[in-house]
Amino acid sequence: MKEGFILINKPKGMTSFDVVSYLRKITGVKKIGHCGTLDPLASGLLICAIGRGATKRIVLFLKQDKTYLAEIELGKESDTYDMEGKIKEMEVKRKPTKKEIEKILKVFIGEIDQLPPIYSAKKVNGKRAYELARKGLDVKLKKSKVKVYKIKIVSYRFPILKIRIECGSGTYIRSLADDIGKKLKTGAVLTGLIRESVGKYSLKKSLEIEKLNLKKVEENIW
């Protein structure tokens, strides 16, 4: 079987490693990796590298820009910034208007300082932050600079806000949702996330994992 890359539509509920394991079973190839983790609650484009030569080139995709469709629920806060954590209901005295939200979103355009979620794969003294957080330990993460090129409201009907984000690598959409909630003084949690593109590669060209077989993989590897 030839080495190369394949575009997979990762379903919600699977981890990125689950997808890699599935591809290993189908192809019989042990050396398989992916080009950028998607959380289990997220779905969308996952570029997978099949074969030793391809996995060595994963780094070429990690720094590419990405597009996401995010669903955010206002009026709540979470320690994970999404629905997997401890949810706290917030008192919303006045529902923000679409114009007010658009004004707030402009604050996050450009190069911004962002604090990664403590429940993330960021490393602290050689350990994953989420591993320390799950043990109840105090996790101190540093802010990092990320680039957000564009944020557009797709739909809004309180408390659900859907936005499309074009951003650089390393941007945490969960953190962005939490920061938007803080600016709006309503709180916010990420309730859904779809990765629509990585660089020039689109989710529209990806394969549904439940329809995968060896022939499909061989026909679509590049």
N, C-alpha and C. Protein backbone atom coordinates (compact mmCIF):
# COMPACT_ATOMS: atom_id res chain seq x y z
N MET A 1 0.84 -1.20 0.00
CA MET A 1 0.00 0.00 0.00
C MET A 1 0.88 1.25 0.00
N LYS A 2 0.52 2.24 -0.82
CA LYS A 2 1.34 3.45 -0.90
C LYS A 2 1.15 4.33 0.33
N GLU A 3 2.16 5.14 0.61
CA GLU A 3 2.10 6.07 1.73
C GLU A 3 1.47 7.38 1.27
N GLY A 4 0.91 8.11 2.22
CA GLY A 4 0.33 9.41 1.87
C GLY A 4 -0.66 9.89 2.91
N PHE A 5 -1.52 10.80 2.47
CA PHE A 5 -2.47 11.44 3.37
C PHE A 5 -3.90 11.18 2.92
N ILE A 6 -4.83 11.23 3.90
CA ILE A 6 -6.23 11.02 3.59
C ILE A 6 -7.07 11.95 4.46
N LEU A 7 -8.14 12.47 3.91
CA LEU A 7 -9.03 13.39 4.63
C LEU A 7 -10.20 12.62 5.22
N ILE A 8 -10.33 12.69 6.54
CA ILE A 8 -11.38 11.97 7.24
C ILE A 8 -12.32 12.96 7.93
N ASN A 9 -13.63 12.67 7.88
CA ASN A 9 -14.61 13.45 8.63
C ASN A 9 -14.79 12.75 9.98
N LYS A 10 -14.10 13.26 11.00
CA LYS A 10 -14.19 12.65 12.33
C LYS A 10 -15.55 12.91 12.94
N PRO A 11 -16.26 11.84 13.32
CA PRO A 11 -17.58 12.06 13.94
C PRO A 11 -17.46 12.48 15.39
N LYS A 12 -18.48 13.13 15.88
CA LYS A 12 -18.55 13.52 17.29
C LYS A 12 -18.57 12.26 18.15
N GLY A 13 -17.83 12.26 19.24
CA GLY A 13 -17.81 11.11 20.15
C GLY A 13 -16.56 10.27 20.03
N MET A 14 -15.91 10.32 18.88
CA MET A 14 -14.64 9.60 18.69
C MET A 14 -13.47 10.52 19.02
N THR A 15 -12.41 9.94 19.55
CA THR A 15 -11.18 10.71 19.71
C THR A 15 -10.41 10.66 18.39
N SER A 16 -9.46 11.56 18.24
CA SER A 16 -8.61 11.54 17.04
C SER A 16 -7.81 10.24 16.99
N PHE A 17 -7.41 9.74 18.16
CA PHE A 17 -6.67 8.47 18.21
C PHE A 17 -7.55 7.30 17.80
N ASP A 18 -8.85 7.38 18.11
CA ASP A 18 -9.80 6.34 17.68
C ASP A 18 -9.78 6.20 16.15
N VAL A 19 -9.72 7.35 15.48
CA VAL A 19 -9.69 7.36 14.01
C VAL A 19 -8.42 6.69 13.51
N VAL A 20 -7.29 7.02 14.13
CA VAL A 20 -6.01 6.41 13.77
C VAL A 20 -6.07 4.89 13.96
N SER A 21 -6.61 4.45 15.09
CA SER A 21 -6.73 3.01 15.38
C SER A 21 -7.59 2.31 14.33
N TYR A 22 -8.67 2.97 13.93
CA TYR A 22 -9.58 2.42 12.93
C TYR A 22 -8.87 2.25 11.59
N LEU A 23 -8.07 3.25 11.22
CA LEU A 23 -7.31 3.18 9.97
C LEU A 23 -6.26 2.08 10.01
N ARG A 24 -5.66 1.88 11.17
CA ARG A 24 -4.67 0.80 11.32
C ARG A 24 -5.31 -0.57 11.07
N LYS A 25 -6.51 -0.76 11.59
CA LYS A 25 -7.22 -2.03 11.40
C LYS A 25 -7.57 -2.27 9.94
N ILE A 26 -8.01 -1.21 9.26
CA ILE A 26 -8.42 -1.32 7.86
C ILE A 26 -7.23 -1.60 6.95
N THR A 27 -6.15 -0.86 7.18
CA THR A 27 -5.00 -0.91 6.25
C THR A 27 -3.93 -1.92 6.63
N GLY A 28 -3.83 -2.26 7.91
CA GLY A 28 -2.76 -3.11 8.37
C GLY A 28 -1.45 -2.37 8.55
N VAL A 29 -1.50 -1.04 8.38
CA VAL A 29 -0.30 -0.20 8.53
C VAL A 29 -0.24 0.30 9.98
N LYS A 30 0.89 0.10 10.63
CA LYS A 30 1.03 0.51 12.02
C LYS A 30 1.39 1.99 12.15
N LYS A 31 2.20 2.46 11.20
CA LYS A 31 2.69 3.84 11.30
C LYS A 31 1.66 4.79 10.69
N ILE A 32 0.72 5.24 11.53
CA ILE A 32 -0.33 6.18 11.09
C ILE A 32 -0.45 7.27 12.16
N GLY A 33 -0.60 8.51 11.72
CA GLY A 33 -0.79 9.62 12.66
C GLY A 33 -1.81 10.59 12.11
N HIS A 34 -2.11 11.62 12.90
CA HIS A 34 -3.04 12.65 12.42
C HIS A 34 -2.40 14.03 12.54
N CYS A 35 -2.93 14.96 11.76
CA CYS A 35 -2.31 16.29 11.66
C CYS A 35 -3.10 17.33 12.45
N GLY A 36 -3.25 17.12 13.75
CA GLY A 36 -3.95 18.10 14.58
C GLY A 36 -5.16 17.53 15.27
N THR A 37 -5.12 17.44 16.60
CA THR A 37 -6.17 16.81 17.40
C THR A 37 -7.49 17.56 17.33
N LEU A 38 -8.58 16.78 17.29
CA LEU A 38 -9.93 17.31 17.48
C LEU A 38 -10.47 16.68 18.76
N ASP A 39 -11.06 17.48 19.63
CA ASP A 39 -11.65 16.96 20.87
C ASP A 39 -12.76 15.96 20.53
N PRO A 40 -13.05 15.03 21.45
CA PRO A 40 -14.14 14.06 21.22
C PRO A 40 -15.49 14.72 20.91
N LEU A 41 -15.77 15.87 21.54
CA LEU A 41 -17.05 16.54 21.30
C LEU A 41 -17.08 17.30 19.96
N ALA A 42 -15.92 17.43 19.33
CA ALA A 42 -15.84 18.12 18.04
C ALA A 42 -15.90 17.10 16.90
N SER A 43 -16.29 17.59 15.73
CA SER A 43 -16.29 16.76 14.53
C SER A 43 -15.62 17.54 13.41
N GLY A 44 -15.47 16.88 12.26
CA GLY A 44 -14.93 17.60 11.11
C GLY A 44 -13.62 17.05 10.58
N LEU A 45 -12.92 17.90 9.86
CA LEU A 45 -11.76 17.47 9.08
C LEU A 45 -10.57 17.05 9.94
N LEU A 46 -10.15 15.82 9.74
CA LEU A 46 -8.95 15.28 10.37
C LEU A 46 -8.08 14.72 9.26
N ILE A 47 -6.93 15.34 9.04
CA ILE A 47 -6.00 14.85 8.02
C ILE A 47 -5.14 13.77 8.66
N CYS A 48 -5.15 12.58 8.07
CA CYS A 48 -4.38 11.46 8.61
C CYS A 48 -3.23 11.09 7.69
N ALA A 49 -2.09 10.76 8.29
CA ALA A 49 -0.89 10.38 7.54
C ALA A 49 -0.69 8.88 7.66
N ILE A 50 -0.57 8.21 6.52
CA ILE A 50 -0.41 6.75 6.49
C ILE A 50 0.99 6.39 5.98
N GLY A 51 1.74 5.67 6.82
CA GLY A 51 3.10 5.27 6.45
C GLY A 51 4.16 6.16 7.08
N ARG A 52 5.33 5.60 7.25
CA ARG A 52 6.43 6.30 7.92
C ARG A 52 6.79 7.62 7.23
N GLY A 53 6.88 7.58 5.91
CA GLY A 53 7.25 8.79 5.17
C GLY A 53 6.24 9.91 5.36
N ALA A 54 4.96 9.55 5.37
CA ALA A 54 3.90 10.56 5.53
C ALA A 54 3.89 11.13 6.94
N THR A 55 4.08 10.27 7.95
CA THR A 55 4.04 10.75 9.33
C THR A 55 5.18 11.73 9.62
N LYS A 56 6.28 11.58 8.88
CA LYS A 56 7.40 12.52 9.05
C LYS A 56 7.06 13.92 8.53
N ARG A 57 6.01 13.99 7.69
CA ARG A 57 5.62 15.28 7.10
C ARG A 57 4.40 15.91 7.78
N ILE A 58 3.96 15.31 8.89
CA ILE A 58 2.80 15.85 9.62
C ILE A 58 3.01 17.31 10.01
N VAL A 59 4.24 17.64 10.37
CA VAL A 59 4.55 19.00 10.82
C VAL A 59 4.16 20.06 9.79
N LEU A 60 4.13 19.69 8.51
CA LEU A 60 3.77 20.63 7.44
C LEU A 60 2.33 21.11 7.57
N PHE A 61 1.48 20.33 8.21
CA PHE A 61 0.06 20.68 8.33
C PHE A 61 -0.28 21.35 9.66
N LEU A 62 0.54 21.14 10.68
CA LEU A 62 0.22 21.63 12.01
C LEU A 62 0.14 23.15 12.10
N LYS A 63 0.91 23.84 11.29
CA LYS A 63 0.96 25.31 11.35
C LYS A 63 0.01 25.99 10.36
N GLN A 64 -0.79 25.20 9.66
CA GLN A 64 -1.68 25.79 8.66
C GLN A 64 -2.93 26.40 9.31
N ASP A 65 -3.48 27.40 8.65
CA ASP A 65 -4.68 28.07 9.15
C ASP A 65 -5.87 27.12 9.09
N LYS A 66 -6.86 27.41 9.93
CA LYS A 66 -8.03 26.53 10.03
C LYS A 66 -9.32 27.35 10.07
N THR A 67 -10.41 26.69 9.67
CA THR A 67 -11.74 27.29 9.75
C THR A 67 -12.64 26.39 10.57
N TYR A 68 -13.38 27.00 11.51
CA TYR A 68 -14.27 26.24 12.38
C TYR A 68 -15.68 26.84 12.37
N LEU A 69 -16.66 25.98 12.54
CA LEU A 69 -18.03 26.42 12.81
C LEU A 69 -18.30 26.05 14.26
N ALA A 70 -18.55 27.05 15.08
CA ALA A 70 -18.72 26.82 16.51
C ALA A 70 -20.13 27.16 16.96
N GLU A 71 -20.67 26.32 17.82
CA GLU A 71 -21.95 26.61 18.48
C GLU A 71 -21.67 26.92 19.94
N ILE A 72 -22.15 28.05 20.39
CA ILE A 72 -21.87 28.54 21.74
C ILE A 72 -23.19 28.81 22.46
N GLU A 73 -23.27 28.38 23.71
CA GLU A 73 -24.46 28.67 24.50
C GLU A 73 -24.12 29.72 25.55
N LEU A 74 -24.86 30.83 25.50
CA LEU A 74 -24.66 31.89 26.48
C LEU A 74 -25.45 31.57 27.74
N GLY A 75 -25.05 32.19 28.84
CA GLY A 75 -25.77 31.98 30.10
C GLY A 75 -25.24 30.84 30.94
N LYS A 76 -24.08 30.30 30.54
CA LYS A 76 -23.46 29.20 31.28
C LYS A 76 -21.95 29.39 31.31
N GLU A 77 -21.31 28.79 32.31
CA GLU A 77 -19.85 28.72 32.36
C GLU A 77 -19.44 27.29 32.68
N SER A 78 -18.22 26.92 32.28
CA SER A 78 -17.73 25.57 32.51
C SER A 78 -16.23 25.62 32.77
N ASP A 79 -15.75 24.73 33.66
CA ASP A 79 -14.32 24.72 33.94
C ASP A 79 -13.51 24.15 32.76
N THR A 80 -14.18 23.45 31.85
CA THR A 80 -13.51 22.95 30.64
C THR A 80 -13.81 23.83 29.43
N TYR A 81 -14.67 24.82 29.62
CA TYR A 81 -15.13 25.74 28.58
C TYR A 81 -16.08 25.08 27.58
N ASP A 82 -16.44 23.80 27.85
CA ASP A 82 -17.42 23.12 27.00
C ASP A 82 -18.38 22.34 27.89
N MET A 83 -19.21 21.47 27.31
CA MET A 83 -20.25 20.78 28.06
C MET A 83 -19.75 19.57 28.83
N GLU A 84 -18.46 19.26 28.71
CA GLU A 84 -17.91 18.10 29.43
C GLU A 84 -17.56 18.41 30.88
N GLY A 85 -17.48 19.68 31.21
CA GLY A 85 -17.03 20.06 32.55
C GLY A 85 -18.16 20.30 33.53
N LYS A 86 -17.80 20.97 34.62
CA LYS A 86 -18.79 21.35 35.63
C LYS A 86 -19.49 22.62 35.16
N ILE A 87 -20.80 22.50 34.92
CA ILE A 87 -21.56 23.61 34.35
C ILE A 87 -22.14 24.48 35.46
N LYS A 88 -21.99 25.77 35.28
CA LYS A 88 -22.56 26.74 36.21
C LYS A 88 -23.51 27.66 35.46
N GLU A 89 -24.76 27.71 35.91
CA GLU A 89 -25.74 28.60 35.29
C GLU A 89 -25.45 30.03 35.70
N MET A 90 -25.51 30.94 34.73
CA MET A 90 -25.25 32.35 34.99
C MET A 90 -26.55 33.16 34.90
N GLU A 91 -26.64 34.17 35.74
CA GLU A 91 -27.81 35.05 35.67
C GLU A 91 -27.58 36.08 34.57
N VAL A 92 -28.45 36.07 33.57
CA VAL A 92 -28.34 37.03 32.46
C VAL A 92 -29.45 38.06 32.62
N LYS A 93 -29.06 39.24 33.04
CA LYS A 93 -30.05 40.29 33.32
C LYS A 93 -30.64 40.87 32.03
N ARG A 94 -29.79 40.90 30.99
CA ARG A 94 -30.28 41.42 29.70
C ARG A 94 -29.63 40.64 28.57
N LYS A 95 -30.46 40.13 27.68
CA LYS A 95 -29.94 39.35 26.55
C LYS A 95 -29.23 40.27 25.57
N PRO A 96 -27.99 39.95 25.21
CA PRO A 96 -27.27 40.80 24.25
C PRO A 96 -27.89 40.74 22.86
N THR A 97 -27.86 41.85 22.16
CA THR A 97 -28.37 41.89 20.79
C THR A 97 -27.30 41.40 19.83
N LYS A 98 -27.71 41.13 18.61
CA LYS A 98 -26.77 40.68 17.60
C LYS A 98 -25.70 41.75 17.34
N LYS A 99 -26.12 43.01 17.32
CA LYS A 99 -25.17 44.11 17.10
C LYS A 99 -24.15 44.21 18.22
N GLU A 100 -24.60 44.00 19.44
CA GLU A 100 -23.68 44.04 20.59
C GLU A 100 -22.66 42.90 20.51
N ILE A 101 -23.13 41.73 20.08
CA ILE A 101 -22.22 40.59 19.94
C ILE A 101 -21.21 40.85 18.83
N GLU A 102 -21.68 41.40 17.71
CA GLU A 102 -20.77 41.70 16.59
C GLU A 102 -19.67 42.67 17.04
N LYS A 103 -20.04 43.62 17.87
CA LYS A 103 -19.07 44.60 18.38
C LYS A 103 -18.03 43.91 19.27
N ILE A 104 -18.48 43.00 20.12
CA ILE A 104 -17.58 42.27 21.01
C ILE A 104 -16.64 41.36 20.20
N LEU A 105 -17.17 40.71 19.16
CA LEU A 105 -16.36 39.78 18.36
C LEU A 105 -15.17 40.48 17.71
N LYS A 106 -15.33 41.76 17.38
CA LYS A 106 -14.25 42.52 16.75
C LYS A 106 -13.02 42.63 17.65
N VAL A 107 -13.25 42.54 18.96
CA VAL A 107 -12.15 42.62 19.93
C VAL A 107 -11.17 41.45 19.75
N PHE A 108 -11.69 40.34 19.24
CA PHE A 108 -10.90 39.11 19.13
C PHE A 108 -10.27 38.92 17.74
N ILE A 109 -10.36 39.91 16.88
CA ILE A 109 -9.74 39.83 15.56
C ILE A 109 -8.30 40.34 15.63
N GLY A 110 -7.40 39.60 15.00
CA GLY A 110 -5.99 39.98 14.98
C GLY A 110 -5.16 39.05 15.83
N GLU A 111 -3.99 39.51 16.25
CA GLU A 111 -3.14 38.71 17.13
C GLU A 111 -3.58 38.98 18.57
N ILE A 112 -4.02 37.93 19.26
CA ILE A 112 -4.54 38.09 20.61
C ILE A 112 -3.80 37.16 21.58
N ASP A 113 -3.82 37.54 22.85
CA ASP A 113 -3.28 36.68 23.91
C ASP A 113 -4.39 35.77 24.38
N GLN A 114 -4.14 34.47 24.38
CA GLN A 114 -5.18 33.51 24.75
C GLN A 114 -4.65 32.53 25.79
N LEU A 115 -5.47 32.29 26.81
CA LEU A 115 -5.12 31.32 27.84
C LEU A 115 -5.73 29.97 27.47
N PRO A 116 -4.90 28.95 27.24
CA PRO A 116 -5.43 27.63 26.89
C PRO A 116 -6.27 27.06 28.03
N PRO A 117 -7.23 26.18 27.75
CA PRO A 117 -8.01 25.55 28.82
C PRO A 117 -7.10 24.66 29.66
N ILE A 118 -7.38 24.57 30.97
CA ILE A 118 -6.56 23.70 31.81
C ILE A 118 -6.81 22.23 31.43
N TYR A 119 -8.00 21.97 30.87
CA TYR A 119 -8.28 20.62 30.36
C TYR A 119 -7.88 20.58 28.89
N SER A 120 -6.58 20.61 28.65
CA SER A 120 -6.06 20.59 27.28
C SER A 120 -4.79 19.74 27.27
N ALA A 121 -4.25 19.52 26.07
CA ALA A 121 -3.05 18.69 25.92
C ALA A 121 -1.76 19.50 26.10
N LYS A 122 -1.90 20.78 26.49
CA LYS A 122 -0.71 21.59 26.76
C LYS A 122 0.12 20.93 27.86
N LYS A 123 1.44 21.01 27.74
CA LYS A 123 2.30 20.37 28.73
C LYS A 123 2.75 21.34 29.83
N VAL A 124 2.70 20.83 31.07
CA VAL A 124 3.18 21.56 32.24
C VAL A 124 4.18 20.67 32.95
N ASN A 125 5.44 21.08 32.94
CA ASN A 125 6.52 20.26 33.53
C ASN A 125 6.50 18.83 33.01
N GLY A 126 6.29 18.69 31.71
CA GLY A 126 6.34 17.37 31.06
C GLY A 126 5.05 16.57 31.14
N LYS A 127 4.04 17.10 31.85
CA LYS A 127 2.76 16.40 31.98
C LYS A 127 1.68 17.14 31.21
N ARG A 128 0.70 16.40 30.68
CA ARG A 128 -0.43 17.02 30.01
C ARG A 128 -1.27 17.78 31.04
N ALA A 129 -1.70 18.98 30.68
CA ALA A 129 -2.47 19.81 31.62
C ALA A 129 -3.74 19.11 32.10
N TYR A 130 -4.41 18.39 31.17
CA TYR A 130 -5.67 17.75 31.57
C TYR A 130 -5.43 16.62 32.58
N GLU A 131 -4.27 15.98 32.51
CA GLU A 131 -3.95 14.91 33.47
C GLU A 131 -3.82 15.48 34.88
N LEU A 132 -3.18 16.64 34.98
CA LEU A 132 -3.02 17.30 36.28
C LEU A 132 -4.35 17.84 36.79
N ALA A 133 -5.14 18.43 35.88
CA ALA A 133 -6.44 19.01 36.26
C ALA A 133 -7.39 17.93 36.78
N ARG A 134 -7.36 16.76 36.14
CA ARG A 134 -8.25 15.67 36.57
C ARG A 134 -7.88 15.14 37.95
N LYS A 135 -6.63 15.35 38.36
CA LYS A 135 -6.21 14.93 39.70
C LYS A 135 -6.51 16.00 40.74
N GLY A 136 -7.11 17.10 40.29
CA GLY A 136 -7.45 18.18 41.21
C GLY A 136 -6.29 19.10 41.54
N LEU A 137 -5.20 18.99 40.78
CA LEU A 137 -4.03 19.83 41.03
C LEU A 137 -4.21 21.21 40.41
N ASP A 138 -3.52 22.18 40.98
CA ASP A 138 -3.59 23.55 40.48
C ASP A 138 -2.73 23.65 39.21
N VAL A 139 -3.37 23.95 38.09
CA VAL A 139 -2.67 24.01 36.80
C VAL A 139 -2.45 25.46 36.39
N LYS A 140 -1.19 25.83 36.21
CA LYS A 140 -0.85 27.18 35.79
C LYS A 140 -0.38 27.15 34.34
N LEU A 141 -1.15 27.73 33.46
CA LEU A 141 -0.77 27.81 32.05
C LEU A 141 -0.47 29.26 31.67
N LYS A 142 0.43 29.42 30.73
CA LYS A 142 0.77 30.76 30.26
C LYS A 142 -0.06 31.12 29.04
N LYS A 143 -0.34 32.39 28.90
CA LYS A 143 -1.05 32.86 27.71
C LYS A 143 -0.14 32.73 26.50
N SER A 144 -0.72 32.43 25.37
CA SER A 144 0.06 32.37 24.14
C SER A 144 -0.60 33.26 23.09
N LYS A 145 0.21 33.72 22.16
CA LYS A 145 -0.32 34.60 21.11
C LYS A 145 -0.87 33.74 19.97
N VAL A 146 -2.10 34.01 19.57
CA VAL A 146 -2.73 33.29 18.46
C VAL A 146 -3.31 34.33 17.49
N LYS A 147 -3.56 33.89 16.28
CA LYS A 147 -4.10 34.80 15.27
C LYS A 147 -5.53 34.40 14.89
N VAL A 148 -6.42 35.38 14.94
CA VAL A 148 -7.80 35.18 14.49
C VAL A 148 -8.04 36.16 13.35
N TYR A 149 -8.33 35.62 12.18
CA TYR A 149 -8.47 36.47 10.98
C TYR A 149 -9.89 36.99 10.79
N LYS A 150 -10.84 36.15 11.15
CA LYS A 150 -12.23 36.53 10.86
C LYS A 150 -13.18 35.76 11.77
N ILE A 151 -14.21 36.46 12.28
CA ILE A 151 -15.29 35.80 13.02
C ILE A 151 -16.61 36.36 12.47
N LYS A 152 -17.47 35.46 12.04
CA LYS A 152 -18.75 35.88 11.46
C LYS A 152 -19.89 35.15 12.15
N ILE A 153 -20.94 35.90 12.50
CA ILE A 153 -22.12 35.28 13.09
C ILE A 153 -22.89 34.55 11.99
N VAL A 154 -23.10 33.26 12.19
CA VAL A 154 -23.88 32.45 11.25
C VAL A 154 -25.36 32.51 11.62
N SER A 155 -25.64 32.42 12.92
CA SER A 155 -27.01 32.56 13.42
C SER A 155 -26.97 32.90 14.90
N TYR A 156 -28.03 33.55 15.36
CA TYR A 156 -28.12 33.90 16.78
C TYR A 156 -29.58 33.97 17.22
N ARG A 157 -29.89 33.17 18.19
CA ARG A 157 -31.18 33.23 18.88
C ARG A 157 -30.90 32.83 20.32
N PHE A 158 -30.89 33.81 21.19
CA PHE A 158 -30.49 33.57 22.57
C PHE A 158 -31.17 32.32 23.13
N PRO A 159 -30.37 31.42 23.75
CA PRO A 159 -28.95 31.58 24.16
C PRO A 159 -27.94 30.99 23.18
N ILE A 160 -28.39 30.54 21.99
CA ILE A 160 -27.49 29.85 21.06
C ILE A 160 -26.91 30.80 20.02
N LEU A 161 -25.59 30.84 19.98
CA LEU A 161 -24.85 31.67 19.02
C LEU A 161 -23.97 30.75 18.17
N LYS A 162 -24.11 30.86 16.85
CA LYS A 162 -23.25 30.09 15.95
C LYS A 162 -22.34 31.05 15.20
N ILE A 163 -21.03 30.77 15.22
CA ILE A 163 -20.07 31.64 14.55
C ILE A 163 -19.09 30.81 13.73
N ARG A 164 -18.60 31.41 12.66
CA ARG A 164 -17.56 30.78 11.85
C ARG A 164 -16.26 31.55 12.10
N ILE A 165 -15.21 30.80 12.40
CA ILE A 165 -13.93 31.40 12.78
C ILE A 165 -12.84 30.97 11.82
N GLU A 166 -12.09 31.92 11.29
CA GLU A 166 -10.90 31.64 10.50
C GLU A 166 -9.71 32.05 11.37
N CYS A 167 -8.81 31.11 11.65
CA CYS A 167 -7.76 31.40 12.62
C CYS A 167 -6.46 30.68 12.30
N GLY A 168 -5.41 31.07 12.98
CA GLY A 168 -4.12 30.43 12.84
C GLY A 168 -4.02 29.21 13.74
N SER A 169 -2.94 28.47 13.60
CA SER A 169 -2.74 27.26 14.40
C SER A 169 -2.59 27.62 15.87
N GLY A 170 -2.97 26.68 16.73
CA GLY A 170 -2.83 26.87 18.17
C GLY A 170 -3.97 27.60 18.83
N THR A 171 -4.96 28.00 18.05
CA THR A 171 -6.12 28.71 18.61
C THR A 171 -7.08 27.72 19.25
N TYR A 172 -7.43 27.97 20.50
CA TYR A 172 -8.41 27.13 21.20
C TYR A 172 -9.79 27.79 21.08
N ILE A 173 -10.70 27.14 20.37
CA ILE A 173 -12.04 27.70 20.20
C ILE A 173 -12.81 27.67 21.51
N ARG A 174 -12.52 26.68 22.37
CA ARG A 174 -13.15 26.64 23.70
C ARG A 174 -12.79 27.88 24.51
N SER A 175 -11.52 28.27 24.45
CA SER A 175 -11.06 29.47 25.17
C SER A 175 -11.71 30.72 24.59
N LEU A 176 -11.82 30.73 23.26
CA LEU A 176 -12.46 31.87 22.60
C LEU A 176 -13.91 32.01 23.04
N ALA A 177 -14.62 30.89 23.13
CA ALA A 177 -16.02 30.91 23.58
C ALA A 177 -16.12 31.46 24.99
N ASP A 178 -15.23 31.00 25.87
CA ASP A 178 -15.23 31.46 27.26
C ASP A 178 -14.93 32.96 27.34
N ASP A 179 -13.97 33.41 26.55
CA ASP A 179 -13.61 34.83 26.54
C ASP A 179 -14.76 35.70 26.01
N ILE A 180 -15.45 35.21 25.00
CA ILE A 180 -16.61 35.94 24.46
C ILE A 180 -17.68 36.08 25.54
N GLY A 181 -17.92 34.99 26.28
CA GLY A 181 -18.90 35.02 27.36
C GLY A 181 -18.55 36.01 28.45
N LYS A 182 -17.26 36.10 28.75
CA LYS A 182 -16.81 37.05 29.78
C LYS A 182 -17.02 38.49 29.31
N LYS A 183 -16.69 38.75 28.04
CA LYS A 183 -16.86 40.10 27.49
C LYS A 183 -18.34 40.50 27.44
N LEU A 184 -19.20 39.55 27.15
CA LEU A 184 -20.65 39.81 27.09
C LEU A 184 -21.28 39.87 28.47
N LYS A 185 -20.52 39.41 29.48
CA LYS A 185 -21.01 39.33 30.87
C LYS A 185 -22.21 38.39 30.99
N THR A 186 -22.21 37.36 30.15
CA THR A 186 -23.28 36.36 30.18
C THR A 186 -22.74 34.98 30.52
N GLY A 187 -21.42 34.81 30.38
CA GLY A 187 -20.85 33.47 30.40
C GLY A 187 -21.13 32.79 29.08
N ALA A 188 -20.34 31.79 28.73
CA ALA A 188 -20.56 31.05 27.48
C ALA A 188 -19.79 29.74 27.52
N VAL A 189 -20.38 28.72 26.94
CA VAL A 189 -19.70 27.42 26.79
C VAL A 189 -19.81 26.96 25.35
N LEU A 190 -18.80 26.23 24.92
CA LEU A 190 -18.82 25.65 23.58
C LEU A 190 -19.69 24.39 23.60
N THR A 191 -20.72 24.35 22.77
CA THR A 191 -21.62 23.19 22.74
C THR A 191 -21.46 22.35 21.48
N GLY A 192 -20.78 22.88 20.48
CA GLY A 192 -20.56 22.13 19.25
C GLY A 192 -19.44 22.75 18.44
N LEU A 193 -18.67 21.92 17.74
CA LEU A 193 -17.55 22.43 16.94
C LEU A 193 -17.31 21.54 15.74
N ILE A 194 -17.22 22.16 14.57
CA ILE A 194 -16.91 21.44 13.34
C ILE A 194 -15.70 22.11 12.69
N ARG A 195 -14.66 21.33 12.42
CA ARG A 195 -13.51 21.88 11.68
C ARG A 195 -13.80 21.73 10.20
N GLU A 196 -13.91 22.85 9.52
CA GLU A 196 -14.32 22.85 8.12
C GLU A 196 -13.15 22.83 7.14
N SER A 197 -12.00 23.33 7.57
CA SER A 197 -10.85 23.31 6.66
C SER A 197 -9.54 23.41 7.41
N VAL A 198 -8.50 22.88 6.78
CA VAL A 198 -7.11 23.01 7.24
C VAL A 198 -6.32 23.43 6.03
N GLY A 199 -5.82 24.67 6.03
CA GLY A 199 -5.14 25.18 4.85
C GLY A 199 -6.07 25.14 3.65
N LYS A 200 -5.63 24.53 2.56
CA LYS A 200 -6.45 24.44 1.35
C LYS A 200 -7.35 23.20 1.34
N TYR A 201 -7.27 22.39 2.37
CA TYR A 201 -8.01 21.12 2.41
C TYR A 201 -9.35 21.31 3.10
N SER A 202 -10.41 20.83 2.45
CA SER A 202 -11.78 21.09 2.91
C SER A 202 -12.48 19.84 3.42
N LEU A 203 -13.34 20.04 4.40
CA LEU A 203 -14.18 18.96 4.92
C LEU A 203 -15.05 18.35 3.82
N LYS A 204 -15.40 19.16 2.84
CA LYS A 204 -16.26 18.69 1.74
C LYS A 204 -15.62 17.54 0.96
N LYS A 205 -14.29 17.47 0.99
CA LYS A 205 -13.59 16.42 0.25
C LYS A 205 -13.23 15.21 1.13
N SER A 206 -13.70 15.22 2.36
CA SER A 206 -13.32 14.17 3.31
C SER A 206 -14.22 12.95 3.20
N LEU A 207 -13.78 11.85 3.81
CA LEU A 207 -14.51 10.59 3.78
C LEU A 207 -15.20 10.31 5.10
N GLU A 208 -16.43 9.80 5.05
CA GLU A 208 -17.14 9.39 6.26
C GLU A 208 -16.49 8.11 6.77
N ILE A 209 -16.18 8.07 8.04
CA ILE A 209 -15.43 6.94 8.58
C ILE A 209 -16.20 5.63 8.53
N GLU A 210 -17.53 5.70 8.67
CA GLU A 210 -18.34 4.47 8.66
C GLU A 210 -18.41 3.83 7.27
N LYS A 211 -18.03 4.59 6.24
CA LYS A 211 -18.04 4.06 4.87
C LYS A 211 -16.65 3.63 4.40
N LEU A 212 -15.69 3.71 5.31
CA LEU A 212 -14.30 3.40 4.93
C LEU A 212 -14.05 1.91 4.79
N ASN A 213 -13.27 1.56 3.80
CA ASN A 213 -12.72 0.21 3.66
C ASN A 213 -11.37 0.36 2.97
N LEU A 214 -10.66 -0.74 2.82
CA LEU A 214 -9.31 -0.67 2.25
C LEU A 214 -9.31 -0.07 0.85
N LYS A 215 -10.28 -0.44 0.04
CA LYS A 215 -10.35 0.08 -1.33
C LYS A 215 -10.56 1.59 -1.33
N LYS A 216 -11.45 2.09 -0.45
CA LYS A 216 -11.72 3.52 -0.36
C LYS A 216 -10.46 4.29 0.04
N VAL A 217 -9.74 3.72 0.99
CA VAL A 217 -8.50 4.37 1.45
C VAL A 217 -7.50 4.44 0.30
N GLU A 218 -7.31 3.33 -0.40
CA GLU A 218 -6.35 3.28 -1.51
C GLU A 218 -6.73 4.24 -2.63
N GLU A 219 -8.02 4.42 -2.86
CA GLU A 219 -8.49 5.30 -3.94
C GLU A 219 -8.32 6.78 -3.58
N ASN A 220 -8.32 7.09 -2.29
CA ASN A 220 -8.34 8.51 -1.86
C ASN A 220 -7.07 8.99 -1.20
N ILE A 221 -6.08 8.12 -1.07
CA ILE A 221 -4.80 8.54 -0.48
C ILE A 221 -4.04 9.39 -1.49
N TRP A 222 -3.32 10.39 -1.01
CA TRP A 222 -2.57 11.27 -1.90
C TRP A 222 -1.23 11.66 -1.28
